[in-house]
C-alpha cells in the first residue's frame, strides 16, 4: 500500500494529457523531457505506474524497525491532495465558480498548494543529504533520530508555517488563450519573501497565484478570488522559470512546446541546492528548512 509515491500528484499531471492514435492504437498521456537522461518520451496516464517519471518508491513512507509507516502519505498528504484535486477540477471551464463547503476544505486546498514548495523529490533529497551531514541540526527540527521521519515532519511544519504566514490572501486564476503552459518536478514558484506571491501551473491554459493582502484584515473564509485573462506573452516567461527550476523533468501538452523549453533546462542536472534554516514565526516553536 502506497509504495509508489507520486511527488507531483497524478490528479495534477493528468491535466497535461493528450489523446491521439499511433499505429491504430489509442493513447493518452503526456510529453515528458527527462533532464538527467536528456531524453524525450511519451508517458502513459493509465495503470499503476502512470506518469512513472514522477514516482519514487516509499518517498513519503519511512521504514522503522522493518515496519512501513504510512500516516504521512495515507492521511496528511492524501487529504491535502484530495482537496487540491477537487479545486483543480473546477478550473477546467473558462469562468470557474469556486465552491468550498467549509473552512476545513479551503484550508486543505491552501495547505496542498503550499506543500508543493517542500514535497518535491529534489528538495526531499537536499534536506536528507544536509541532515545526514549535519546530525546536530537534526534536533532543531525533530525529536526523531530517523532522518526520513525528520524530513517528513519538516514538510508538515514548513507547509503549515507557510499557510499561516499567508492567511488573508487573494487567489488569482489566470486563464490563457493557449495550451502552452508547462509543469516541472518543482512547479511551485515563490517570489521574494516581502511580496508574498506564489505561482503554480494547474493545466496547459491556467496558472494560479496567491497574493498576500497588504493588511491582514481580509476575512479568511470564504477565500477571495478572481479570474483574469492572462497575457500569452507571460506564459513563455513563466515556462522558462519552470524549466530552470526543474531538476528531473518537465512536461508539456504537446511535443513542440516541450522542445521549445528544453534549452532552459541545460545545466540543471548539475546544479546544487542550498539549505537555509528559517525561524518559525507563527507555529509555537521550532525551525523549518528551506
Foldseek 3Di string as FASTA:
>chain_A
DCFKDQLPDLLQQQLLWDWDADPNDIAIFWWKQWLVVRDIDTFGSDDPCGVVLRIDTCLLWDQDPNDTDCCLPPPLLVLLVVLLSVQLVQVPDQFGDDDDPDPVSVLSPQLSLLLLQQRFPVNLVQQLVVCVVVVVCLVQQDPDSDSSVSSSSLSVQVSVLLSVVQAQKEKEKEFEPFQLAKAARRFWDADPPVFGKIWGDRHSGIIMIITGDPDNPHDRPPHHYDYDHDDPVVRVVSLLVRLLPHQTMMIHSDDVSRVVNNVSNPPSPPDDDDKDWAFRDPDPGGIHID
